[in-house]
Amino acid sequence: MKGITVQELIKDKTHRLELYPIAGLKGLSRKIYNPRIQKLGLVITGHMVYLHPHRMQILGNTEISYLRLLGETESSAIIQELCKNDVVCFVVTRNLKVPDHFLAETEGKGIPLLRTKLITSVFIERITRYLEEKLAPSTTVHGVLMDILGIGTLIIGRAGIGKSENALELIMRGHRLVVDDVVYAKKMGAIDIHGEPPDMIKNLLEIRGIGIVDIGRLFGVSALREKMKIDLVVELLDWDENVEYERVGLKEDKFRLLGIDLPIVRIPISSGRNMSTIIELACRNHILKQHGVNTAIELEEKVLKSMKVEAEK
């Protein structure tokens, strides 16, 4: 099961969590598996039934002020009870001073106690985004991911069919590469899937006969995207005379990825077909559909209306 250690959390600079440990350093290798956090709230009053174990526990001004109001004996009892549970780590916001017995208990139990200068609401927003991104369900897909007219387009097909060559043509037409060959796909939220490159092949494109080329150095950073939401899948197929390919566009197939159905367009390859132009056309047509315009359905309605008029004569 995928997880991140508390140490990784502290080292992260991208999300500006501004965390540093103040106790329980021997527990920094503990792993976080749950993307949801908990602000202790009622739990700090001794209502342990409301505690969700295995989550990061956050203490803000309300919780720390309450602990200070209690006598040391009662406060220590609550903290001891908290630390008996399977808590991954505690985070204190606003750079608040932590009671000494809280420091001692977390140090003794090896539970990381972290502090940040951020106010509670800002920290919760940042840590939630961080955990959702890092712990999102993920997989790898063999293909090329492009930004074509703002549409995240995943181009798939058998090895050697021309995915990378078409990607190169699209780059030369002004579109942008996200990743070639291995797309690292992550489910973000309920319905979105984002794709990004593994670090090893970032900015690289493989062209048979030429080899590996660096798109960033050849075309500049404007030809690249760090990551992209996948909106459309385009599958390149070998032309088969025995297969009846879609000619009107009424049938809309789906490509299932990480439990989400993405629209897919299957394009057969044959001599004389400009595939990069057709891929770009598929993206333009997808944009039209997003705006409620479906040419195939409009044509069908016109044909049915014409047939009805003819029948009434």
C-alpha atoms as a PDB file:
ATOM      1  CA  MET A   1       0.000   0.000   0.000  1.00  0.00           C
ATOM      2  CA  LYS A   2       1.310   3.422  -1.002  1.00  0.00           C
ATOM      3  CA  GLY A   3       2.282   5.804   1.786  1.00  0.00           C
ATOM      4  CA  ILE A   4       4.586   8.700   2.643  1.00  0.00           C
ATOM      5  CA  THR A   5       6.770   9.034   5.704  1.00  0.00           C
ATOM      6  CA  VAL A   6       6.581  11.923   8.163  1.00  0.00           C
ATOM      7  CA  GLN A   7      10.179  12.691   7.156  1.00  0.00           C
ATOM      8  CA  GLU A   8       9.073  13.196   3.518  1.00  0.00           C
ATOM      9  CA  LEU A   9       6.349  15.513   4.774  1.00  0.00           C
ATOM     10  CA  ILE A  10       8.882  17.674   6.589  1.00  0.00           C
ATOM     11  CA  LYS A  11      11.280  17.790   3.615  1.00  0.00           C
ATOM     12  CA  ASP A  12       8.626  18.852   1.081  1.00  0.00           C
ATOM     13  CA  LYS A  13       9.127  22.437  -0.110  1.00  0.00           C
ATOM     14  CA  THR A  14       6.660  22.577  -3.015  1.00  0.00           C
ATOM     15  CA  HIS A  15       3.508  22.868  -0.896  1.00  0.00           C
ATOM     16  CA  ARG A  16       5.043  25.278   1.662  1.00  0.00           C
ATOM     17  CA  LEU A  17       3.918  23.366   4.735  1.00  0.00           C
ATOM     18  CA  GLU A  18       6.762  24.891   6.814  1.00  0.00           C
ATOM     19  CA  LEU A  19       6.899  21.950   9.222  1.00  0.00           C
ATOM     20  CA  TYR A  20       9.682  21.130  11.647  1.00  0.00           C
ATOM     21  CA  PRO A  21       9.837  18.450  14.372  1.00  0.00           C
ATOM     22  CA  ILE A  22       9.961  19.356  18.046  1.00  0.00           C
ATOM     23  CA  ALA A  23       9.584  15.878  19.606  1.00  0.00           C
ATOM     24  CA  GLY A  24       9.296  12.191  18.724  1.00  0.00           C
ATOM     25  CA  LEU A  25      12.083  12.232  16.138  1.00  0.00           C
ATOM     26  CA  LYS A  26      12.540   8.461  16.315  1.00  0.00           C
ATOM     27  CA  GLY A  27       9.069   8.130  14.755  1.00  0.00           C
ATOM     28  CA  LEU A  28       9.827  10.140  11.596  1.00  0.00           C
ATOM     29  CA  SER A  29       9.824   6.927   9.548  1.00  0.00           C
ATOM     30  CA  ARG A  30       6.127   6.389  10.354  1.00  0.00           C
ATOM     31  CA  LYS A  31       4.017   6.289   7.210  1.00  0.00           C
ATOM     32  CA  ILE A  32       0.857   8.207   6.373  1.00  0.00           C
ATOM     33  CA  TYR A  33      -1.620   6.183   4.315  1.00  0.00           C
ATOM     34  CA  ASN A  34      -4.843   8.145   4.826  1.00  0.00           C
ATOM     35  CA  PRO A  35      -5.203  11.411   2.842  1.00  0.00           C
ATOM     36  CA  ARG A  36      -7.715  12.712   5.391  1.00  0.00           C
ATOM     37  CA  ILE A  37      -6.607  14.697   8.448  1.00  0.00           C
ATOM     38  CA  GLN A  38      -8.355  15.449  11.734  1.00  0.00           C
ATOM     39  CA  LYS A  39      -8.506  18.633  13.785  1.00  0.00           C
ATOM     40  CA  LEU A  40      -8.824  17.291  17.307  1.00  0.00           C
ATOM     41  CA  GLY A  41     -11.634  19.550  18.527  1.00  0.00           C
ATOM     42  CA  LEU A  42     -13.859  17.601  20.958  1.00  0.00           C
ATOM     43  CA  VAL A  43     -11.278  14.814  21.219  1.00  0.00           C
ATOM     44  CA  ILE A  44      -9.002  17.092  23.251  1.00  0.00           C
ATOM     45  CA  THR A  45     -11.712  17.313  25.938  1.00  0.00           C
ATOM     46  CA  GLY A  46     -11.402  13.561  26.485  1.00  0.00           C
ATOM     47  CA  HIS A  47     -14.034  12.302  24.022  1.00  0.00           C
ATOM     48  CA  MET A  48     -11.731   9.683  22.487  1.00  0.00           C
ATOM     49  CA  VAL A  49     -14.662   8.032  20.706  1.00  0.00           C
ATOM     50  CA  TYR A  50     -14.403  10.822  18.126  1.00  0.00           C
ATOM     51  CA  LEU A  51     -10.728  10.164  17.440  1.00  0.00           C
ATOM     52  CA  HIS A  52      -9.942   8.751  13.988  1.00  0.00           C
ATOM     53  CA  PRO A  53      -6.731   6.706  14.302  1.00  0.00           C
ATOM     54  CA  HIS A  54      -4.163   6.422  11.503  1.00  0.00           C
ATOM     55  CA  ARG A  55      -4.636  10.101  10.615  1.00  0.00           C
ATOM     56  CA  MET A  56      -2.540  13.208  11.092  1.00  0.00           C
ATOM     57  CA  GLN A  57      -3.933  15.062  14.144  1.00  0.00           C
ATOM     58  CA  ILE A  58      -3.928  18.866  14.127  1.00  0.00           C
ATOM     59  CA  LEU A  59      -3.979  21.123  17.166  1.00  0.00           C
ATOM     60  CA  GLY A  60      -4.737  24.815  16.726  1.00  0.00           C
ATOM     61  CA  ASN A  61      -5.231  27.699  19.128  1.00  0.00           C
ATOM     62  CA  THR A  62      -8.478  26.233  20.542  1.00  0.00           C
ATOM     63  CA  GLU A  63      -6.936  22.873  21.479  1.00  0.00           C
ATOM     64  CA  ILE A  64      -3.698  24.261  22.934  1.00  0.00           C
ATOM     65  CA  SER A  65      -5.573  26.950  24.923  1.00  0.00           C
ATOM     66  CA  TYR A  66      -7.874  24.291  26.378  1.00  0.00           C
ATOM     67  CA  LEU A  67      -4.922  22.150  27.489  1.00  0.00           C
ATOM     68  CA  ARG A  68      -3.402  25.188  29.213  1.00  0.00           C
ATOM     69  CA  LEU A  69      -6.652  25.873  31.087  1.00  0.00           C
ATOM     70  CA  LEU A  70      -6.708  22.370  32.554  1.00  0.00           C
ATOM     71  CA  GLY A  71      -4.688  21.360  35.538  1.00  0.00           C
ATOM     72  CA  GLU A  72      -1.464  19.545  34.736  1.00  0.00           C
ATOM     73  CA  THR A  73      -2.829  16.217  36.013  1.00  0.00           C
ATOM     74  CA  GLU A  74      -5.979  16.321  33.863  1.00  0.00           C
ATOM     75  CA  SER A  75      -4.104  17.656  30.834  1.00  0.00           C
ATOM     76  CA  SER A  76      -1.456  14.916  31.147  1.00  0.00           C
ATOM     77  CA  ALA A  77      -4.161  12.233  31.375  1.00  0.00           C
ATOM     78  CA  ILE A  78      -5.771  13.389  28.123  1.00  0.00           C
ATOM     79  CA  ILE A  79      -2.428  13.547  26.327  1.00  0.00           C
ATOM     80  CA  GLN A  80      -1.470  10.071  27.562  1.00  0.00           C
ATOM     81  CA  GLU A  81      -4.806   8.729  26.318  1.00  0.00           C
ATOM     82  CA  LEU A  82      -4.266  10.421  22.938  1.00  0.00           C
ATOM     83  CA  CYS A  83      -0.818   8.870  22.567  1.00  0.00           C
ATOM     84  CA  LYS A  84      -2.159   5.377  23.314  1.00  0.00           C
ATOM     85  CA  ASN A  85      -3.998   5.487  19.988  1.00  0.00           C
ATOM     86  CA  ASP A  86      -2.408   4.756  16.626  1.00  0.00           C
ATOM     87  CA  VAL A  87      -1.751   8.383  15.689  1.00  0.00           C
ATOM     88  CA  VAL A  88       0.696   8.941  12.814  1.00  0.00           C
ATOM     89  CA  CYS A  89       1.782  12.366  14.040  1.00  0.00           C
ATOM     90  CA  PHE A  90       0.605  15.565  15.720  1.00  0.00           C
ATOM     91  CA  VAL A  91       0.895  19.036  14.170  1.00  0.00           C
ATOM     92  CA  VAL A  92       0.633  22.257  16.169  1.00  0.00           C
ATOM     93  CA  THR A  93      -0.149  25.370  14.131  1.00  0.00           C
ATOM     94  CA  ARG A  94       0.619  29.107  14.641  1.00  0.00           C
ATOM     95  CA  ASN A  95       3.996  28.277  16.264  1.00  0.00           C
ATOM     96  CA  LEU A  96       2.094  27.798  19.515  1.00  0.00           C
ATOM     97  CA  LYS A  97       3.990  26.795  22.642  1.00  0.00           C
ATOM     98  CA  VAL A  98       3.372  23.135  23.451  1.00  0.00           C
ATOM     99  CA  PRO A  99       2.922  21.954  27.081  1.00  0.00           C
ATOM    100  CA  ASP A 100       6.051  20.237  28.393  1.00  0.00           C
ATOM    101  CA  HIS A 101       4.199  17.026  29.274  1.00  0.00           C
ATOM    102  CA  PHE A 102       2.971  16.811  25.645  1.00  0.00           C
ATOM    103  CA  LEU A 103       6.590  17.012  24.445  1.00  0.00           C
ATOM    104  CA  ALA A 104       7.661  14.364  26.968  1.00  0.00           C
ATOM    105  CA  GLU A 105       4.827  11.942  26.125  1.00  0.00           C
ATOM    106  CA  THR A 106       5.322  12.100  22.336  1.00  0.00           C
ATOM    107  CA  GLU A 107       9.076  11.775  22.776  1.00  0.00           C
ATOM    108  CA  GLY A 108       8.656   8.711  24.974  1.00  0.00           C
ATOM    109  CA  LYS A 109       6.127   7.059  22.617  1.00  0.00           C
ATOM    110  CA  GLY A 110       8.079   7.942  19.455  1.00  0.00           C
ATOM    111  CA  ILE A 111       5.128   9.842  17.941  1.00  0.00           C
ATOM    112  CA  PRO A 112       6.327  12.777  15.812  1.00  0.00           C
ATOM    113  CA  LEU A 113       5.186  16.147  17.126  1.00  0.00           C
ATOM    114  CA  LEU A 114       5.563  18.825  14.460  1.00  0.00           C
ATOM    115  CA  ARG A 115       5.034  22.564  14.457  1.00  0.00           C
ATOM    116  CA  THR A 116       4.238  25.096  11.718  1.00  0.00           C
ATOM    117  CA  LYS A 117       3.909  28.870  11.787  1.00  0.00           C
ATOM    118  CA  LEU A 118       0.914  28.714   9.438  1.00  0.00           C
ATOM    119  CA  ILE A 119      -2.554  29.457  10.780  1.00  0.00           C
ATOM    120  CA  THR A 120      -4.758  26.377  11.049  1.00  0.00           C
ATOM    121  CA  SER A 121      -7.044  27.023   8.054  1.00  0.00           C
ATOM    122  CA  VAL A 122      -4.127  27.672   5.688  1.00  0.00           C
ATOM    123  CA  PHE A 123      -2.220  24.619   6.904  1.00  0.00           C
ATOM    124  CA  ILE A 124      -5.275  22.350   6.527  1.00  0.00           C
ATOM    125  CA  GLU A 125      -5.819  23.575   2.957  1.00  0.00           C
ATOM    126  CA  ARG A 126      -2.171  22.950   2.021  1.00  0.00           C
ATOM    127  CA  ILE A 127      -1.763  19.596   3.773  1.00  0.00           C
ATOM    128  CA  THR A 128      -5.035  18.284   2.296  1.00  0.00           C
ATOM    129  CA  ARG A 129      -3.881  19.174  -1.221  1.00  0.00           C
ATOM    130  CA  TYR A 130      -0.482  17.604  -0.538  1.00  0.00           C
ATOM    131  CA  LEU A 131      -1.863  14.324   0.832  1.00  0.00           C
ATOM    132  CA  GLU A 132      -4.494  13.978  -1.911  1.00  0.00           C
ATOM    133  CA  GLU A 133      -1.791  14.417  -4.542  1.00  0.00           C
ATOM    134  CA  LYS A 134       0.770  12.109  -2.961  1.00  0.00           C
ATOM    135  CA  LEU A 135      -1.655   9.368  -1.914  1.00  0.00           C
ATOM    136  CA  ALA A 136      -3.892   9.408  -4.987  1.00  0.00           C
ATOM    137  CA  PRO A 137      -4.543   6.036  -6.705  1.00  0.00           C
ATOM    138  CA  SER A 138      -2.115   5.737  -9.611  1.00  0.00           C
ATOM    139  CA  THR A 139      -0.990   3.552 -12.492  1.00  0.00           C
ATOM    140  CA  THR A 140       1.216   3.726 -15.578  1.00  0.00           C
ATOM    141  CA  VAL A 141      -0.006   3.726 -19.172  1.00  0.00           C
ATOM    142  CA  HIS A 142       2.038   3.071 -22.306  1.00  0.00           C
ATOM    143  CA  GLY A 143       1.425   6.020 -24.586  1.00  0.00           C
ATOM    144  CA  VAL A 144       2.037   9.717 -25.222  1.00  0.00           C
ATOM    145  CA  LEU A 145       0.303  12.527 -23.338  1.00  0.00           C
ATOM    146  CA  MET A 146      -0.055  15.864 -25.118  1.00  0.00           C
ATOM    147  CA  ASP A 147      -1.648  19.235 -24.472  1.00  0.00           C
ATOM    148  CA  ILE A 148      -3.541  19.849 -27.718  1.00  0.00           C
ATOM    149  CA  LEU A 149      -5.566  23.084 -27.715  1.00  0.00           C
ATOM    150  CA  GLY A 150      -5.895  22.787 -23.948  1.00  0.00           C
ATOM    151  CA  ILE A 151      -7.202  19.209 -24.183  1.00  0.00           C
ATOM    152  CA  GLY A 152      -5.119  16.609 -22.340  1.00  0.00           C
ATOM    153  CA  THR A 153      -4.840  13.952 -25.052  1.00  0.00           C
ATOM    154  CA  LEU A 154      -3.536  10.462 -24.296  1.00  0.00           C
ATOM    155  CA  ILE A 155      -2.367   8.780 -27.517  1.00  0.00           C
ATOM    156  CA  ILE A 156      -2.195   4.979 -27.256  1.00  0.00           C
ATOM    157  CA  GLY A 157      -1.600   2.096 -29.664  1.00  0.00           C
ATOM    158  CA  ARG A 158       0.741  -0.818 -30.303  1.00  0.00           C
ATOM    159  CA  ALA A 159       4.516  -0.323 -30.150  1.00  0.00           C
ATOM    160  CA  GLY A 160       5.875   1.125 -33.372  1.00  0.00           C
ATOM    161  CA  ILE A 161       2.547   2.390 -34.720  1.00  0.00           C
ATOM    162  CA  GLY A 162       3.727   6.010 -34.721  1.00  0.00           C
ATOM    163  CA  LYS A 163       2.640   7.592 -31.447  1.00  0.00           C
ATOM    164  CA  SER A 164       5.912   9.464 -30.879  1.00  0.00           C
ATOM    165  CA  GLU A 165       6.222  10.523 -34.535  1.00  0.00           C
ATOM    166  CA  ASN A 166       2.737  12.019 -34.432  1.00  0.00           C
ATOM    167  CA  ALA A 167       3.599  13.696 -31.127  1.00  0.00           C
ATOM    168  CA  LEU A 168       6.629  15.306 -32.818  1.00  0.00           C
ATOM    169  CA  GLU A 169       4.460  16.590 -35.664  1.00  0.00           C
ATOM    170  CA  LEU A 170       1.976  18.013 -33.154  1.00  0.00           C
ATOM    171  CA  ILE A 171       4.810  19.737 -31.238  1.00  0.00           C
ATOM    172  CA  MET A 172       5.957  21.338 -34.496  1.00  0.00           C
ATOM    173  CA  ARG A 173       2.386  22.576 -34.983  1.00  0.00           C
ATOM    174  CA  GLY A 174       2.579  24.411 -31.643  1.00  0.00           C
ATOM    175  CA  HIS A 175       1.125  21.849 -29.225  1.00  0.00           C
ATOM    176  CA  ARG A 176       2.885  20.709 -26.060  1.00  0.00           C
ATOM    177  CA  LEU A 177       4.352  17.438 -24.819  1.00  0.00           C
ATOM    178  CA  VAL A 178       3.695  16.152 -21.322  1.00  0.00           C
ATOM    179  CA  VAL A 179       5.344  12.734 -21.555  1.00  0.00           C
ATOM    180  CA  ASP A 180       6.316  10.112 -24.116  1.00  0.00           C
ATOM    181  CA  ASP A 181       6.248   6.321 -23.685  1.00  0.00           C
ATOM    182  CA  VAL A 182       5.302   5.942 -19.986  1.00  0.00           C
ATOM    183  CA  VAL A 183       2.490   8.101 -18.604  1.00  0.00           C
ATOM    184  CA  TYR A 184       2.217   8.192 -14.810  1.00  0.00           C
ATOM    185  CA  ALA A 185      -1.533   8.612 -14.247  1.00  0.00           C
ATOM    186  CA  LYS A 186      -3.068   9.666 -10.908  1.00  0.00           C
ATOM    187  CA  LYS A 187      -6.715   9.887  -9.896  1.00  0.00           C
ATOM    188  CA  MET A 188      -7.379  13.334  -8.445  1.00  0.00           C
ATOM    189  CA  GLY A 189     -10.737  13.786  -6.757  1.00  0.00           C
ATOM    190  CA  ALA A 190     -13.802  11.868  -7.909  1.00  0.00           C
ATOM    191  CA  ILE A 191     -13.652  12.208 -11.709  1.00  0.00           C
ATOM    192  CA  ASP A 192     -10.285  13.637 -12.772  1.00  0.00           C
ATOM    193  CA  ILE A 193      -7.138  11.821 -13.888  1.00  0.00           C
ATOM    194  CA  HIS A 194      -3.858  13.706 -14.252  1.00  0.00           C
ATOM    195  CA  GLY A 195      -0.845  12.489 -16.177  1.00  0.00           C
ATOM    196  CA  GLU A 196       2.801  13.382 -15.646  1.00  0.00           C
ATOM    197  CA  PRO A 197       6.232  12.030 -16.621  1.00  0.00           C
ATOM    198  CA  PRO A 198       8.504   9.851 -14.511  1.00  0.00           C
ATOM    199  CA  ASP A 199      11.633  11.885 -13.687  1.00  0.00           C
ATOM    200  CA  MET A 200      13.850   9.576 -15.756  1.00  0.00           C
ATOM    201  CA  ILE A 201      12.185  10.421 -19.110  1.00  0.00           C
ATOM    202  CA  LYS A 202      10.976  13.962 -18.449  1.00  0.00           C
ATOM    203  CA  ASN A 203      11.137  16.176 -21.605  1.00  0.00           C
ATOM    204  CA  LEU A 204      12.369  13.235 -23.733  1.00  0.00           C
ATOM    205  CA  LEU A 205      10.896  11.822 -26.959  1.00  0.00           C
ATOM    206  CA  GLU A 206      11.977   8.635 -28.743  1.00  0.00           C
ATOM    207  CA  ILE A 207      11.986   8.722 -32.538  1.00  0.00           C
ATOM    208  CA  ARG A 208      12.932   5.486 -34.264  1.00  0.00           C
ATOM    209  CA  GLY A 209      15.902   6.049 -36.563  1.00  0.00           C
ATOM    210  CA  ILE A 210      16.998   9.161 -34.651  1.00  0.00           C
ATOM    211  CA  GLY A 211      16.937   8.015 -31.023  1.00  0.00           C
ATOM    212  CA  ILE A 212      16.161   9.950 -27.849  1.00  0.00           C
ATOM    213  CA  VAL A 213      15.758  13.715 -28.250  1.00  0.00           C
ATOM    214  CA  ASP A 214      15.277  16.442 -25.637  1.00  0.00           C
ATOM    215  CA  ILE A 215      12.190  18.438 -26.622  1.00  0.00           C
ATOM    216  CA  GLY A 216      12.917  21.200 -24.105  1.00  0.00           C
ATOM    217  CA  ARG A 217      16.346  21.907 -25.592  1.00  0.00           C
ATOM    218  CA  LEU A 218      15.192  21.561 -29.195  1.00  0.00           C
ATOM    219  CA  PHE A 219      11.946  23.542 -29.051  1.00  0.00           C
ATOM    220  CA  GLY A 220      12.116  25.446 -25.748  1.00  0.00           C
ATOM    221  CA  VAL A 221      10.105  25.196 -22.547  1.00  0.00           C
ATOM    222  CA  SER A 222       6.958  26.436 -24.334  1.00  0.00           C
ATOM    223  CA  ALA A 223       6.768  23.006 -26.012  1.00  0.00           C
ATOM    224  CA  LEU A 224       6.382  21.225 -22.641  1.00  0.00           C
ATOM    225  CA  ARG A 225       3.849  20.772 -19.855  1.00  0.00           C
ATOM    226  CA  GLU A 226       4.727  19.502 -16.357  1.00  0.00           C
ATOM    227  CA  LYS A 227       1.422  17.645 -15.965  1.00  0.00           C
ATOM    228  CA  MET A 228      -2.005  17.590 -17.559  1.00  0.00           C
ATOM    229  CA  LYS A 229      -5.543  16.460 -16.833  1.00  0.00           C
ATOM    230  CA  ILE A 230      -6.438  13.646 -19.256  1.00  0.00           C
ATOM    231  CA  ASP A 231      -9.588  14.649 -21.153  1.00  0.00           C
ATOM    232  CA  LEU A 232      -9.493  12.444 -24.262  1.00  0.00           C
ATOM    233  CA  VAL A 233      -7.926   9.155 -25.351  1.00  0.00           C
ATOM    234  CA  VAL A 234      -6.924   8.630 -28.984  1.00  0.00           C
ATOM    235  CA  GLU A 235      -6.097   5.058 -30.033  1.00  0.00           C
ATOM    236  CA  LEU A 236      -4.131   4.510 -33.243  1.00  0.00           C
ATOM    237  CA  LEU A 237      -5.021   1.251 -34.995  1.00  0.00           C
ATOM    238  CA  ASP A 238      -3.676  -0.649 -37.994  1.00  0.00           C
ATOM    239  CA  TRP A 239      -6.123  -0.424 -40.886  1.00  0.00           C
ATOM    240  CA  ASP A 240      -8.133  -3.621 -41.298  1.00  0.00           C
ATOM    241  CA  GLU A 241     -10.278  -4.054 -44.419  1.00  0.00           C
ATOM    242  CA  ASN A 242     -12.560  -6.429 -42.519  1.00  0.00           C
ATOM    243  CA  VAL A 243     -13.436  -3.903 -39.799  1.00  0.00           C
ATOM    244  CA  GLU A 244     -16.284  -1.414 -40.158  1.00  0.00           C
ATOM    245  CA  TYR A 245     -14.944   1.824 -38.718  1.00  0.00           C
ATOM    246  CA  GLU A 246     -17.096   4.633 -37.312  1.00  0.00           C
ATOM    247  CA  ARG A 247     -18.047   7.020 -40.116  1.00  0.00           C
ATOM    248  CA  VAL A 248     -20.736   9.248 -38.618  1.00  0.00           C
ATOM    249  CA  GLY A 249     -19.614   9.624 -35.014  1.00  0.00           C
ATOM    250  CA  LEU A 250     -22.833   8.643 -33.211  1.00  0.00           C
ATOM    251  CA  LYS A 251     -21.159   5.862 -31.264  1.00  0.00           C
ATOM    252  CA  GLU A 252     -19.153   7.142 -28.282  1.00  0.00           C
ATOM    253  CA  ASP A 253     -16.796   4.582 -26.744  1.00  0.00           C
ATOM    254  CA  LYS A 254     -15.115   4.827 -23.343  1.00  0.00           C
ATOM    255  CA  PHE A 255     -11.638   3.985 -22.074  1.00  0.00           C
ATOM    256  CA  ARG A 256     -11.619   2.920 -18.408  1.00  0.00           C
ATOM    257  CA  LEU A 257      -8.672   4.158 -16.379  1.00  0.00           C
ATOM    258  CA  LEU A 258      -8.451   4.036 -12.566  1.00  0.00           C
ATOM    259  CA  GLY A 259     -12.201   3.434 -12.395  1.00  0.00           C
ATOM    260  CA  ILE A 260     -13.066   6.482 -14.527  1.00  0.00           C
ATOM    261  CA  ASP A 261     -14.518   6.320 -18.061  1.00  0.00           C
ATOM    262  CA  LEU A 262     -12.718   8.630 -20.491  1.00  0.00           C
ATOM    263  CA  PRO A 263     -13.955   9.335 -24.030  1.00  0.00           C
ATOM    264  CA  ILE A 264     -11.906   7.480 -26.655  1.00  0.00           C
ATOM    265  CA  VAL A 265     -11.549   8.008 -30.408  1.00  0.00           C
ATOM    266  CA  ARG A 266     -10.168   5.103 -32.446  1.00  0.00           C
ATOM    267  CA  ILE A 267      -8.342   6.160 -35.598  1.00  0.00           C
ATOM    268  CA  PRO A 268      -7.209   3.593 -38.208  1.00  0.00           C
ATOM    269  CA  ILE A 269      -3.901   4.304 -39.920  1.00  0.00           C
ATOM    270  CA  SER A 270      -3.510   3.908 -43.664  1.00  0.00           C
ATOM    271  CA  SER A 271      -1.369   5.373 -46.445  1.00  0.00           C
ATOM    272  CA  GLY A 272      -2.202   8.984 -47.242  1.00  0.00           C
ATOM    273  CA  ARG A 273      -3.870   9.840 -43.933  1.00  0.00           C
ATOM    274  CA  ASN A 274      -2.314  12.758 -42.045  1.00  0.00           C
ATOM    275  CA  MET A 275      -2.631  11.348 -38.548  1.00  0.00           C
ATOM    276  CA  SER A 276      -1.456  14.404 -36.602  1.00  0.00           C
ATOM    277  CA  THR A 277      -4.066  16.542 -38.369  1.00  0.00           C
ATOM    278  CA  ILE A 278      -6.779  13.977 -37.605  1.00  0.00           C
ATOM    279  CA  ILE A 279      -5.708  13.828 -33.925  1.00  0.00           C
ATOM    280  CA  GLU A 280      -5.906  17.619 -33.739  1.00  0.00           C
ATOM    281  CA  LEU A 281      -9.328  17.476 -35.415  1.00  0.00           C
ATOM    282  CA  ALA A 282     -10.496  14.946 -32.797  1.00  0.00           C
ATOM    283  CA  CYS A 283      -9.488  17.437 -30.090  1.00  0.00           C
ATOM    284  CA  ARG A 284     -11.306  20.308 -31.806  1.00  0.00           C
ATOM    285  CA  ASN A 285     -14.408  18.123 -32.100  1.00  0.00           C
ATOM    286  CA  HIS A 286     -14.104  17.215 -28.400  1.00  0.00           C
ATOM    287  CA  ILE A 287     -14.064  20.926 -27.523  1.00  0.00           C
ATOM    288  CA  LEU A 288     -17.253  21.419 -29.558  1.00  0.00           C
ATOM    289  CA  LYS A 289     -18.943  18.563 -27.678  1.00  0.00           C
ATOM    290  CA  GLN A 290     -17.923  20.134 -24.373  1.00  0.00           C
ATOM    291  CA  HIS A 291     -19.830  23.233 -25.511  1.00  0.00           C
ATOM    292  CA  GLY A 292     -22.911  21.182 -26.352  1.00  0.00           C
ATOM    293  CA  VAL A 293     -22.359  20.918 -30.099  1.00  0.00           C
ATOM    294  CA  ASN A 294     -22.516  17.373 -31.522  1.00  0.00           C
ATOM    295  CA  THR A 295     -22.432  17.414 -35.316  1.00  0.00           C
ATOM    296  CA  ALA A 296     -23.346  13.718 -35.668  1.00  0.00           C
ATOM    297  CA  ILE A 297     -26.470  14.124 -33.539  1.00  0.00           C
ATOM    298  CA  GLU A 298     -27.443  17.297 -35.406  1.00  0.00           C
ATOM    299  CA  LEU A 299     -27.121  15.443 -38.718  1.00  0.00           C
ATOM    300  CA  GLU A 300     -29.198  12.546 -37.403  1.00  0.00           C
ATOM    301  CA  GLU A 301     -31.918  14.959 -36.290  1.00  0.00           C
ATOM    302  CA  LYS A 302     -31.937  16.612 -39.742  1.00  0.00           C
ATOM    303  CA  VAL A 303     -32.215  13.226 -41.481  1.00  0.00           C
ATOM    304  CA  LEU A 304     -35.065  12.098 -39.209  1.00  0.00           C
ATOM    305  CA  LYS A 305     -36.865  15.396 -39.716  1.00  0.00           C
ATOM    306  CA  SER A 306     -36.465  15.085 -43.495  1.00  0.00           C
ATOM    307  CA  MET A 307     -37.813  11.502 -43.428  1.00  0.00           C
ATOM    308  CA  LYS A 308     -40.798  12.627 -41.354  1.00  0.00           C
ATOM    309  CA  VAL A 309     -41.589  15.424 -43.834  1.00  0.00           C
ATOM    310  CA  GLU A 310     -41.338  12.990 -46.766  1.00  0.00           C
ATOM    311  CA  ALA A 311     -43.631  10.516 -45.005  1.00  0.00           C
ATOM    312  CA  GLU A 312     -46.300  13.198 -44.427  1.00  0.00           C
ATOM    313  CA  LYS A 313     -46.471  14.159 -48.117  1.00  0.00           C
END
